[in-house]
Amino acid sequence: MRIYRLHDGKKWPPAKKDGLFVLGDPRAGDKKHHEKNEVLVRTEEEAIRLLRDGFSIRIETSTRPSLVRRNLFVDDFRLS
């Protein structure tokens, strides 16, 4: 798992939709979590590139996936 969120001492993986990573474009502002504004990418490399450009990523949680930007790690290095 190259991308994960560290929360409550646990590594949470990205959620996928039909096998694709789900990201939120920062240009969509407070509407980036809406389905019509989803950015879907096939590869982990593309997701990492977009995360470095300020995008959020949907991450698994104990209840349902959430679009997050904080406490993200890529290859065990803190991204945000």
PDB file of N, CA and C in Angstrom:
ATOM      1  N   MET A   1       0.852  -1.170   0.000  1.00  0.00           N
ATOM      2  CA  MET A   1       0.000   0.000   0.000  1.00  0.00           C
ATOM      3  C   MET A   1       0.903   1.240   0.000  1.00  0.00           C
ATOM      4  N   ARG A   2       0.945   1.923  -1.124  1.00  0.00           N
ATOM      5  CA  ARG A   2       1.808   3.106  -1.252  1.00  0.00           C
ATOM      6  C   ARG A   2       1.139   4.356  -0.686  1.00  0.00           C
ATOM      7  N   ILE A   3      -0.186   4.477  -0.867  1.00  0.00           N
ATOM      8  CA  ILE A   3      -0.937   5.638  -0.378  1.00  0.00           C
ATOM      9  C   ILE A   3      -1.787   5.178   0.798  1.00  0.00           C
ATOM     10  N   TYR A   4      -1.749   5.934   1.878  1.00  0.00           N
ATOM     11  CA  TYR A   4      -2.616   5.616   3.006  1.00  0.00           C
ATOM     12  C   TYR A   4      -2.787   6.855   3.882  1.00  0.00           C
ATOM     13  N   ARG A   5      -3.791   6.790   4.734  1.00  0.00           N
ATOM     14  CA  ARG A   5      -4.006   7.832   5.736  1.00  0.00           C
ATOM     15  C   ARG A   5      -3.737   7.210   7.089  1.00  0.00           C
ATOM     16  N   LEU A   6      -2.958   7.889   7.907  1.00  0.00           N
ATOM     17  CA  LEU A   6      -2.694   7.433   9.264  1.00  0.00           C
ATOM     18  C   LEU A   6      -3.692   8.121  10.185  1.00  0.00           C
ATOM     19  N   HIS A   7      -4.543   7.317  10.815  1.00  0.00           N
ATOM     20  CA  HIS A   7      -5.583   7.860  11.696  1.00  0.00           C
ATOM     21  C   HIS A   7      -5.819   6.872  12.828  1.00  0.00           C
ATOM     22  N   ASP A   8      -5.773   7.371  14.051  1.00  0.00           N
ATOM     23  CA  ASP A   8      -5.953   6.536  15.248  1.00  0.00           C
ATOM     24  C   ASP A   8      -4.984   5.363  15.272  1.00  0.00           C
ATOM     25  N   GLY A   9      -3.753   5.601  14.795  1.00  0.00           N
ATOM     26  CA  GLY A   9      -2.718   4.584  14.818  1.00  0.00           C
ATOM     27  C   GLY A   9      -2.872   3.485  13.773  1.00  0.00           C
ATOM     28  N   LYS A  10      -3.786   3.663  12.837  1.00  0.00           N
ATOM     29  CA  LYS A  10      -4.039   2.654  11.812  1.00  0.00           C
ATOM     30  C   LYS A  10      -3.830   3.259  10.431  1.00  0.00           C
ATOM     31  N   LYS A  11      -3.305   2.441   9.514  1.00  0.00           N
ATOM     32  CA  LYS A  11      -3.151   2.857   8.121  1.00  0.00           C
ATOM     33  C   LYS A  11      -4.442   2.525   7.372  1.00  0.00           C
ATOM     34  N   TRP A  12      -5.082   3.551   6.823  1.00  0.00           N
ATOM     35  CA  TRP A  12      -6.324   3.381   6.075  1.00  0.00           C
ATOM     36  C   TRP A  12      -6.022   3.519   4.585  1.00  0.00           C
ATOM     37  N   PRO A  13      -6.414   2.549   3.766  1.00  0.00           N
ATOM     38  CA  PRO A  13      -6.111   2.578   2.331  1.00  0.00           C
ATOM     39  C   PRO A  13      -7.096   3.452   1.553  1.00  0.00           C
ATOM     40  N   PRO A  14      -6.723   3.807   0.344  1.00  0.00           N
ATOM     41  CA  PRO A  14      -7.661   4.527  -0.523  1.00  0.00           C
ATOM     42  C   PRO A  14      -8.862   3.645  -0.870  1.00  0.00           C
ATOM     43  N   ALA A  15     -10.011   4.285  -0.961  1.00  0.00           N
ATOM     44  CA  ALA A  15     -11.211   3.581  -1.429  1.00  0.00           C
ATOM     45  C   ALA A  15     -11.190   3.608  -2.953  1.00  0.00           C
ATOM     46  N   LYS A  16     -11.757   2.601  -3.555  1.00  0.00           N
ATOM     47  CA  LYS A  16     -11.828   2.565  -5.010  1.00  0.00           C
ATOM     48  C   LYS A  16     -13.278   2.449  -5.454  1.00  0.00           C
ATOM     49  N   LYS A  17     -13.531   2.986  -6.631  1.00  0.00           N
ATOM     50  CA  LYS A  17     -14.858   2.913  -7.242  1.00  0.00           C
ATOM     51  C   LYS A  17     -14.669   2.239  -8.595  1.00  0.00           C
ATOM     52  N   ASP A  18     -15.224   1.076  -8.749  1.00  0.00           N
ATOM     53  CA  ASP A  18     -15.056   0.300  -9.985  1.00  0.00           C
ATOM     54  C   ASP A  18     -13.586   0.118 -10.330  1.00  0.00           C
ATOM     55  N   GLY A  19     -12.745  -0.077  -9.314  1.00  0.00           N
ATOM     56  CA  GLY A  19     -11.320  -0.311  -9.518  1.00  0.00           C
ATOM     57  C   GLY A  19     -10.492   0.942  -9.730  1.00  0.00           C
ATOM     58  N   LEU A  20     -11.104   2.116  -9.615  1.00  0.00           N
ATOM     59  CA  LEU A  20     -10.405   3.381  -9.840  1.00  0.00           C
ATOM     60  C   LEU A  20     -10.264   4.164  -8.540  1.00  0.00           C
ATOM     61  N   PHE A  21      -9.172   4.902  -8.419  1.00  0.00           N
ATOM     62  CA  PHE A  21      -8.984   5.797  -7.283  1.00  0.00           C
ATOM     63  C   PHE A  21      -9.910   7.000  -7.461  1.00  0.00           C
ATOM     64  N   VAL A  22     -10.482   7.477  -6.355  1.00  0.00           N
ATOM     65  CA  VAL A  22     -11.412   8.599  -6.390  1.00  0.00           C
ATOM     66  C   VAL A  22     -10.748   9.801  -5.724  1.00  0.00           C
ATOM     67  N   LEU A  23     -10.610  10.882  -6.494  1.00  0.00           N
ATOM     68  CA  LEU A  23      -9.970  12.091  -5.981  1.00  0.00           C
ATOM     69  C   LEU A  23     -10.907  13.279  -6.102  1.00  0.00           C
ATOM     70  N   GLY A  24     -10.596  14.323  -5.330  1.00  0.00           N
ATOM     71  CA  GLY A  24     -11.362  15.559  -5.375  1.00  0.00           C
ATOM     72  C   GLY A  24     -10.481  16.696  -5.830  1.00  0.00           C
ATOM     73  N   ASP A  25     -10.932  17.415  -6.847  1.00  0.00           N
ATOM     74  CA  ASP A  25     -10.191  18.538  -7.412  1.00  0.00           C
ATOM     75  C   ASP A  25     -10.354  19.756  -6.505  1.00  0.00           C
ATOM     76  N   PRO A  26      -9.257  20.366  -6.063  1.00  0.00           N
ATOM     77  CA  PRO A  26      -9.365  21.530  -5.179  1.00  0.00           C
ATOM     78  C   PRO A  26     -10.082  22.706  -5.832  1.00  0.00           C
ATOM     79  N   ARG A  27     -10.122  22.754  -7.163  1.00  0.00           N
ATOM     80  CA  ARG A  27     -10.821  23.852  -7.854  1.00  0.00           C
ATOM     81  C   ARG A  27     -12.336  23.767  -7.671  1.00  0.00           C
ATOM     82  N   ALA A  28     -12.847  22.613  -7.232  1.00  0.00           N
ATOM     83  CA  ALA A  28     -14.287  22.458  -6.999  1.00  0.00           C
ATOM     84  C   ALA A  28     -14.692  23.002  -5.633  1.00  0.00           C
ATOM     85  N   GLY A  29     -13.729  23.473  -4.845  1.00  0.00           N
ATOM     86  CA  GLY A  29     -14.021  24.080  -3.543  1.00  0.00           C
ATOM     87  C   GLY A  29     -14.758  23.142  -2.614  1.00  0.00           C
ATOM     88  N   ASP A  30     -15.794  23.669  -1.967  1.00  0.00           N
ATOM     89  CA  ASP A  30     -16.529  22.860  -0.992  1.00  0.00           C
ATOM     90  C   ASP A  30     -17.492  21.873  -1.654  1.00  0.00           C
ATOM     91  N   LYS A  31     -17.477  21.787  -2.960  1.00  0.00           N
ATOM     92  CA  LYS A  31     -18.314  20.834  -3.701  1.00  0.00           C
ATOM     93  C   LYS A  31     -17.493  19.675  -4.264  1.00  0.00           C
ATOM     94  N   LYS A  32     -16.203  19.603  -3.905  1.00  0.00           N
ATOM     95  CA  LYS A  32     -15.348  18.563  -4.482  1.00  0.00           C
ATOM     96  C   LYS A  32     -15.759  17.157  -4.076  1.00  0.00           C
ATOM     97  N   HIS A  33     -16.522  17.020  -3.008  1.00  0.00           N
ATOM     98  CA  HIS A  33     -16.953  15.696  -2.562  1.00  0.00           C
ATOM     99  C   HIS A  33     -18.184  15.191  -3.319  1.00  0.00           C
ATOM    100  N   HIS A  34     -18.798  16.045  -4.130  1.00  0.00           N
ATOM    101  CA  HIS A  34     -19.976  15.627  -4.886  1.00  0.00           C
ATOM    102  C   HIS A  34     -19.572  14.692  -6.024  1.00  0.00           C
ATOM    103  N   GLU A  35     -20.399  13.723  -6.297  1.00  0.00           N
ATOM    104  CA  GLU A  35     -20.089  12.710  -7.305  1.00  0.00           C
ATOM    105  C   GLU A  35     -19.790  13.325  -8.678  1.00  0.00           C
ATOM    106  N   LYS A  36     -20.504  14.380  -9.039  1.00  0.00           N
ATOM    107  CA  LYS A  36     -20.283  14.989 -10.357  1.00  0.00           C
ATOM    108  C   LYS A  36     -18.893  15.623 -10.477  1.00  0.00           C
ATOM    109  N   ASN A  37     -18.230  15.877  -9.347  1.00  0.00           N
ATOM    110  CA  ASN A  37     -16.903  16.492  -9.352  1.00  0.00           C
ATOM    111  C   ASN A  37     -15.779  15.494  -9.090  1.00  0.00           C
ATOM    112  N   GLU A  38     -16.111  14.204  -9.030  1.00  0.00           N
ATOM    113  CA  GLU A  38     -15.080  13.190  -8.787  1.00  0.00           C
ATOM    114  C   GLU A  38     -14.073  13.153  -9.927  1.00  0.00           C
ATOM    115  N   VAL A  39     -12.833  12.913  -9.573  1.00  0.00           N
ATOM    116  CA  VAL A  39     -11.782  12.678 -10.555  1.00  0.00           C
ATOM    117  C   VAL A  39     -11.355  11.225 -10.348  1.00  0.00           C
ATOM    118  N   LEU A  40     -11.568  10.399 -11.358  1.00  0.00           N
ATOM    119  CA  LEU A  40     -11.255   8.972 -11.262  1.00  0.00           C
ATOM    120  C   LEU A  40      -9.988   8.689 -12.051  1.00  0.00           C
ATOM    121  N   VAL A  41      -9.045   7.978 -11.419  1.00  0.00           N
ATOM    122  CA  VAL A  41      -7.793   7.633 -12.099  1.00  0.00           C
ATOM    123  C   VAL A  41      -7.505   6.142 -11.928  1.00  0.00           C
ATOM    124  N   ARG A  42      -6.851   5.580 -12.920  1.00  0.00           N
ATOM    125  CA  ARG A  42      -6.564   4.146 -12.924  1.00  0.00           C
ATOM    126  C   ARG A  42      -5.367   3.758 -12.074  1.00  0.00           C
ATOM    127  N   THR A  43      -4.319   4.560 -12.129  1.00  0.00           N
ATOM    128  CA  THR A  43      -3.067   4.121 -11.522  1.00  0.00           C
ATOM    129  C   THR A  43      -2.744   4.865 -10.234  1.00  0.00           C
ATOM    130  N   GLU A  44      -2.010   4.181  -9.411  1.00  0.00           N
ATOM    131  CA  GLU A  44      -1.535   4.775  -8.168  1.00  0.00           C
ATOM    132  C   GLU A  44      -0.587   5.937  -8.462  1.00  0.00           C
ATOM    133  N   GLU A  45       0.212   5.813  -9.512  1.00  0.00           N
ATOM    134  CA  GLU A  45       1.158   6.875  -9.880  1.00  0.00           C
ATOM    135  C   GLU A  45       0.424   8.162 -10.231  1.00  0.00           C
ATOM    136  N   GLU A  46      -0.678   8.050 -10.986  1.00  0.00           N
ATOM    137  CA  GLU A  46      -1.472   9.228 -11.339  1.00  0.00           C
ATOM    138  C   GLU A  46      -2.124   9.818 -10.092  1.00  0.00           C
ATOM    139  N   ALA A  47      -2.616   8.978  -9.196  1.00  0.00           N
ATOM    140  CA  ALA A  47      -3.211   9.462  -7.952  1.00  0.00           C
ATOM    141  C   ALA A  47      -2.167  10.215  -7.127  1.00  0.00           C
ATOM    142  N   ILE A  48      -0.965   9.688  -7.042  1.00  0.00           N
ATOM    143  CA  ILE A  48       0.103  10.347  -6.283  1.00  0.00           C
ATOM    144  C   ILE A  48       0.445  11.699  -6.893  1.00  0.00           C
ATOM    145  N   ARG A  49       0.515  11.760  -8.215  1.00  0.00           N
ATOM    146  CA  ARG A  49       0.813  13.033  -8.888  1.00  0.00           C
ATOM    147  C   ARG A  49      -0.253  14.078  -8.554  1.00  0.00           C
ATOM    148  N   LEU A  50      -1.513  13.681  -8.597  1.00  0.00           N
ATOM    149  CA  LEU A  50      -2.592  14.614  -8.297  1.00  0.00           C
ATOM    150  C   LEU A  50      -2.598  15.010  -6.815  1.00  0.00           C
ATOM    151  N   LEU A  51      -2.275  14.084  -5.940  1.00  0.00           N
ATOM    152  CA  LEU A  51      -2.184  14.422  -4.515  1.00  0.00           C
ATOM    153  C   LEU A  51      -1.110  15.486  -4.286  1.00  0.00           C
ATOM    154  N   ARG A  52      -0.004  15.350  -4.985  1.00  0.00           N
ATOM    155  CA  ARG A  52       1.070  16.349  -4.859  1.00  0.00           C
ATOM    156  C   ARG A  52       0.644  17.703  -5.427  1.00  0.00           C
ATOM    157  N   ASP A  53      -0.365  17.699  -6.302  1.00  0.00           N
ATOM    158  CA  ASP A  53      -0.898  18.944  -6.868  1.00  0.00           C
ATOM    159  C   ASP A  53      -2.032  19.524  -6.023  1.00  0.00           C
ATOM    160  N   GLY A  54      -2.307  18.922  -4.851  1.00  0.00           N
ATOM    161  CA  GLY A  54      -3.303  19.478  -3.942  1.00  0.00           C
ATOM    162  C   GLY A  54      -4.660  18.801  -3.937  1.00  0.00           C
ATOM    163  N   PHE A  55      -4.805  17.716  -4.687  1.00  0.00           N
ATOM    164  CA  PHE A  55      -6.076  16.999  -4.708  1.00  0.00           C
ATOM    165  C   PHE A  55      -6.275  16.250  -3.389  1.00  0.00           C
ATOM    166  N   SER A  56      -7.530  15.936  -3.096  1.00  0.00           N
ATOM    167  CA  SER A  56      -7.895  15.074  -1.971  1.00  0.00           C
ATOM    168  C   SER A  56      -8.135  13.680  -2.528  1.00  0.00           C
ATOM    169  N   ILE A  57      -8.156  12.672  -1.639  1.00  0.00           N
ATOM    170  CA  ILE A  57      -8.415  11.305  -2.086  1.00  0.00           C
ATOM    171  C   ILE A  57      -9.413  10.656  -1.135  1.00  0.00           C
ATOM    172  N   ARG A  58     -10.277   9.821  -1.707  1.00  0.00           N
ATOM    173  CA  ARG A  58     -11.254   9.108  -0.890  1.00  0.00           C
ATOM    174  C   ARG A  58     -10.541   7.936  -0.218  1.00  0.00           C
ATOM    175  N   ILE A  59     -10.678   7.891   1.118  1.00  0.00           N
ATOM    176  CA  ILE A  59      -9.993   6.907   1.959  1.00  0.00           C
ATOM    177  C   ILE A  59     -11.027   6.102   2.733  1.00  0.00           C
ATOM    178  N   GLU A  60     -10.759   4.804   2.876  1.00  0.00           N
ATOM    179  CA  GLU A  60     -11.627   3.944   3.698  1.00  0.00           C
ATOM    180  C   GLU A  60     -11.610   4.439   5.142  1.00  0.00           C
ATOM    181  N   THR A  61     -12.715   4.268   5.838  1.00  0.00           N
ATOM    182  CA  THR A  61     -12.814   4.565   7.270  1.00  0.00           C
ATOM    183  C   THR A  61     -13.591   3.419   7.916  1.00  0.00           C
ATOM    184  N   SER A  62     -13.822   3.531   9.198  1.00  0.00           N
ATOM    185  CA  SER A  62     -14.565   2.474   9.882  1.00  0.00           C
ATOM    186  C   SER A  62     -16.044   2.487   9.514  1.00  0.00           C
ATOM    187  N   THR A  63     -16.538   3.568   8.949  1.00  0.00           N
ATOM    188  CA  THR A  63     -17.954   3.633   8.570  1.00  0.00           C
ATOM    189  C   THR A  63     -18.129   3.658   7.052  1.00  0.00           C
ATOM    190  N   ARG A  64     -17.728   4.747   6.411  1.00  0.00           N
ATOM    191  CA  ARG A  64     -17.809   4.826   4.954  1.00  0.00           C
ATOM    192  C   ARG A  64     -16.649   5.672   4.447  1.00  0.00           C
ATOM    193  N   PRO A  65     -16.254   5.524   3.203  1.00  0.00           N
ATOM    194  CA  PRO A  65     -15.105   6.278   2.695  1.00  0.00           C
ATOM    195  C   PRO A  65     -15.320   7.788   2.768  1.00  0.00           C
ATOM    196  N   SER A  66     -14.233   8.509   3.061  1.00  0.00           N
ATOM    197  CA  SER A  66     -14.273   9.962   3.154  1.00  0.00           C
ATOM    198  C   SER A  66     -13.199  10.576   2.274  1.00  0.00           C
ATOM    199  N   LEU A  67     -13.498  11.742   1.731  1.00  0.00           N
ATOM    200  CA  LEU A  67     -12.539  12.491   0.935  1.00  0.00           C
ATOM    201  C   LEU A  67     -11.657  13.273   1.897  1.00  0.00           C
ATOM    202  N   VAL A  68     -10.355  13.004   1.890  1.00  0.00           N
ATOM    203  CA  VAL A  68      -9.455  13.616   2.872  1.00  0.00           C
ATOM    204  C   VAL A  68      -8.225  14.207   2.198  1.00  0.00           C
ATOM    205  N   ARG A  69      -7.616  15.109   2.916  1.00  0.00           N
ATOM    206  CA  ARG A  69      -6.381  15.742   2.464  1.00  0.00           C
ATOM    207  C   ARG A  69      -5.312  15.715   3.556  1.00  0.00           C
ATOM    208  N   ARG A  70      -5.704  15.463   4.795  1.00  0.00           N
ATOM    209  CA  ARG A  70      -4.770  15.527   5.915  1.00  0.00           C
ATOM    210  C   ARG A  70      -4.317  14.137   6.343  1.00  0.00           C
ATOM    211  N   ASN A  71      -3.104  14.098   6.918  1.00  0.00           N
ATOM    212  CA  ASN A  71      -2.507  12.848   7.417  1.00  0.00           C
ATOM    213  C   ASN A  71      -2.327  11.799   6.325  1.00  0.00           C
ATOM    214  N   LEU A  72      -2.012  12.254   5.112  1.00  0.00           N
ATOM    215  CA  LEU A  72      -1.774  11.332   4.000  1.00  0.00           C
ATOM    216  C   LEU A  72      -0.295  11.017   3.887  1.00  0.00           C
ATOM    217  N   PHE A  73      -0.013   9.775   3.547  1.00  0.00           N
ATOM    218  CA  PHE A  73       1.359   9.306   3.377  1.00  0.00           C
ATOM    219  C   PHE A  73       1.487   8.615   2.028  1.00  0.00           C
ATOM    220  N   VAL A  74       2.637   8.801   1.404  1.00  0.00           N
ATOM    221  CA  VAL A  74       2.976   8.102   0.167  1.00  0.00           C
ATOM    222  C   VAL A  74       4.346   7.471   0.390  1.00  0.00           C
ATOM    223  N   ASP A  75       4.413   6.158   0.219  1.00  0.00           N
ATOM    224  CA  ASP A  75       5.655   5.411   0.450  1.00  0.00           C
ATOM    225  C   ASP A  75       6.254   5.712   1.826  1.00  0.00           C
ATOM    226  N   ASP A  76       5.380   5.780   2.839  1.00  0.00           N
ATOM    227  CA  ASP A  76       5.739   6.029   4.241  1.00  0.00           C
ATOM    228  C   ASP A  76       6.306   7.421   4.513  1.00  0.00           C
ATOM    229  N   PHE A  77       6.170   8.353   3.578  1.00  0.00           N
ATOM    230  CA  PHE A  77       6.562   9.743   3.798  1.00  0.00           C
ATOM    231  C   PHE A  77       5.306  10.601   3.849  1.00  0.00           C
ATOM    232  N   ARG A  78       5.240  11.476   4.842  1.00  0.00           N
ATOM    233  CA  ARG A  78       4.074  12.323   5.030  1.00  0.00           C
ATOM    234  C   ARG A  78       3.932  13.283   3.858  1.00  0.00           C
ATOM    235  N   LEU A  79       2.737  13.287   3.251  1.00  0.00           N
ATOM    236  CA  LEU A  79       2.423  14.177   2.148  1.00  0.00           C
ATOM    237  C   LEU A  79       1.703  15.417   2.650  1.00  0.00           C
ATOM    238  N   SER A  80       0.795  15.220   3.582  1.00  0.00           N
ATOM    239  CA  SER A  80       0.037  16.364   4.127  1.00  0.00           C
ATOM    240  C   SER A  80      -0.421  16.058   5.550  1.00  0.00           C
TER     241      SER A  80
END
